[in-house]
Amino acid sequence: MANRLAEENKDFENYINNIDTFYKKTESK
């Protein structure tokens, strides 16, 4: 259970990082 939660948290961090990267690319135009 805890391991699954850790995996979901990692996916969430990746999701946030992707949004952050996309936002920075969009902002720099």
PDB file of N, CA and C in Angstrom:
ATOM      1  N   MET A   1       0.829  -1.204   0.000  1.00  0.00           N
ATOM      2  CA  MET A   1       0.000   0.000   0.000  1.00  0.00           C
ATOM      3  C   MET A   1       0.868   1.261   0.000  1.00  0.00           C
ATOM      4  N   ALA A   2       1.824   1.310   0.906  1.00  0.00           N
ATOM      5  CA  ALA A   2       2.705   2.481   0.982  1.00  0.00           C
ATOM      6  C   ALA A   2       3.530   2.620  -0.296  1.00  0.00           C
ATOM      7  N   ASN A   3       3.921   1.465  -0.846  1.00  0.00           N
ATOM      8  CA  ASN A   3       4.712   1.497  -2.073  1.00  0.00           C
ATOM      9  C   ASN A   3       3.898   2.069  -3.225  1.00  0.00           C
ATOM     10  N   ARG A   4       2.634   1.679  -3.299  1.00  0.00           N
ATOM     11  CA  ARG A   4       1.752   2.186  -4.345  1.00  0.00           C
ATOM     12  C   ARG A   4       1.564   3.685  -4.191  1.00  0.00           C
ATOM     13  N   LEU A   5       1.452   4.129  -2.961  1.00  0.00           N
ATOM     14  CA  LEU A   5       1.296   5.552  -2.690  1.00  0.00           C
ATOM     15  C   LEU A   5       2.538   6.317  -3.144  1.00  0.00           C
ATOM     16  N   ALA A   6       3.691   5.745  -2.904  1.00  0.00           N
ATOM     17  CA  ALA A   6       4.947   6.369  -3.331  1.00  0.00           C
ATOM     18  C   ALA A   6       5.011   6.470  -4.853  1.00  0.00           C
ATOM     19  N   GLU A   7       4.539   5.442  -5.538  1.00  0.00           N
ATOM     20  CA  GLU A   7       4.533   5.479  -7.002  1.00  0.00           C
ATOM     21  C   GLU A   7       3.588   6.554  -7.509  1.00  0.00           C
ATOM     22  N   GLU A   8       2.421   6.656  -6.898  1.00  0.00           N
ATOM     23  CA  GLU A   8       1.467   7.677  -7.310  1.00  0.00           C
ATOM     24  C   GLU A   8       2.037   9.065  -7.058  1.00  0.00           C
ATOM     25  N   ASN A   9       2.745   9.215  -5.951  1.00  0.00           N
ATOM     26  CA  ASN A   9       3.353  10.503  -5.635  1.00  0.00           C
ATOM     27  C   ASN A   9       4.415  10.861  -6.669  1.00  0.00           C
ATOM     28  N   LYS A  10       5.167   9.856  -7.114  1.00  0.00           N
ATOM     29  CA  LYS A  10       6.192  10.090  -8.136  1.00  0.00           C
ATOM     30  C   LYS A  10       5.538  10.528  -9.441  1.00  0.00           C
ATOM     31  N   ASP A  11       4.436   9.870  -9.806  1.00  0.00           N
ATOM     32  CA  ASP A  11       3.708  10.246 -11.009  1.00  0.00           C
ATOM     33  C   ASP A  11       3.201  11.676 -10.895  1.00  0.00           C
ATOM     34  N   PHE A  12       2.725  12.035  -9.718  1.00  0.00           N
ATOM     35  CA  PHE A  12       2.224  13.383  -9.491  1.00  0.00           C
ATOM     36  C   PHE A  12       3.346  14.405  -9.625  1.00  0.00           C
ATOM     37  N   GLU A  13       4.519  14.081  -9.096  1.00  0.00           N
ATOM     38  CA  GLU A  13       5.669  14.986  -9.226  1.00  0.00           C
ATOM     39  C   GLU A  13       6.056  15.160 -10.691  1.00  0.00           C
ATOM     40  N   ASN A  14       6.029  14.061 -11.443  1.00  0.00           N
ATOM     41  CA  ASN A  14       6.336  14.143 -12.873  1.00  0.00           C
ATOM     42  C   ASN A  14       5.325  15.028 -13.590  1.00  0.00           C
ATOM     43  N   TYR A  15       4.055  14.879 -13.220  1.00  0.00           N
ATOM     44  CA  TYR A  15       2.980  15.679 -13.792  1.00  0.00           C
ATOM     45  C   TYR A  15       3.208  17.164 -13.528  1.00  0.00           C
ATOM     46  N   ILE A  16       3.543  17.497 -12.283  1.00  0.00           N
ATOM     47  CA  ILE A  16       3.829  18.885 -11.918  1.00  0.00           C
ATOM     48  C   ILE A  16       5.041  19.403 -12.690  1.00  0.00           C
ATOM     49  N   ASN A  17       6.076  18.579 -12.786  1.00  0.00           N
ATOM     50  CA  ASN A  17       7.282  19.001 -13.512  1.00  0.00           C
ATOM     51  C   ASN A  17       6.985  19.260 -14.982  1.00  0.00           C
ATOM     52  N   ASN A  18       6.136  18.426 -15.580  1.00  0.00           N
ATOM     53  CA  ASN A  18       5.778  18.612 -16.982  1.00  0.00           C
ATOM     54  C   ASN A  18       5.023  19.913 -17.181  1.00  0.00           C
ATOM     55  N   ILE A  19       4.097  20.213 -16.287  1.00  0.00           N
ATOM     56  CA  ILE A  19       3.352  21.466 -16.365  1.00  0.00           C
ATOM     57  C   ILE A  19       4.299  22.647 -16.189  1.00  0.00           C
ATOM     58  N   ASP A  20       5.199  22.536 -15.219  1.00  0.00           N
ATOM     59  CA  ASP A  20       6.152  23.609 -14.941  1.00  0.00           C
ATOM     60  C   ASP A  20       7.043  23.862 -16.154  1.00  0.00           C
ATOM     61  N   THR A  21       7.516  22.788 -16.771  1.00  0.00           N
ATOM     62  CA  THR A  21       8.364  22.907 -17.959  1.00  0.00           C
ATOM     63  C   THR A  21       7.587  23.543 -19.101  1.00  0.00           C
ATOM     64  N   PHE A  22       6.367  23.083 -19.314  1.00  0.00           N
ATOM     65  CA  PHE A  22       5.519  23.621 -20.373  1.00  0.00           C
ATOM     66  C   PHE A  22       5.250  25.104 -20.145  1.00  0.00           C
ATOM     67  N   TYR A  23       4.969  25.472 -18.911  1.00  0.00           N
ATOM     68  CA  TYR A  23       4.689  26.862 -18.574  1.00  0.00           C
ATOM     69  C   TYR A  23       5.900  27.743 -18.848  1.00  0.00           C
ATOM     70  N   LYS A  24       7.078  27.257 -18.478  1.00  0.00           N
ATOM     71  CA  LYS A  24       8.302  28.028 -18.710  1.00  0.00           C
ATOM     72  C   LYS A  24       8.572  28.193 -20.204  1.00  0.00           C
ATOM     73  N   LYS A  25       8.324  27.148 -20.988  1.00  0.00           N
ATOM     74  CA  LYS A  25       8.512  27.247 -22.437  1.00  0.00           C
ATOM     75  C   LYS A  25       7.534  28.256 -23.028  1.00  0.00           C
ATOM     76  N   THR A  26       6.293  28.203 -22.578  1.00  0.00           N
ATOM     77  CA  THR A  26       5.268  29.109 -23.081  1.00  0.00           C
ATOM     78  C   THR A  26       5.581  30.542 -22.681  1.00  0.00           C
ATOM     79  N   GLU A  27       6.049  30.714 -21.455  1.00  0.00           N
ATOM     80  CA  GLU A  27       6.333  32.040 -20.917  1.00  0.00           C
ATOM     81  C   GLU A  27       7.488  32.707 -21.652  1.00  0.00           C
ATOM     82  N   SER A  28       8.448  31.915 -22.113  1.00  0.00           N
ATOM     83  CA  SER A  28       9.661  32.466 -22.715  1.00  0.00           C
ATOM     84  C   SER A  28       9.456  32.937 -24.159  1.00  0.00           C
ATOM     85  N   LYS A  29       8.292  32.668 -24.737  1.00  0.00           N
ATOM     86  CA  LYS A  29       8.048  33.070 -26.125  1.00  0.00           C
ATOM     87  C   LYS A  29       7.846  34.581 -26.248  1.00  0.00           C
TER      88      LYS A  29
END
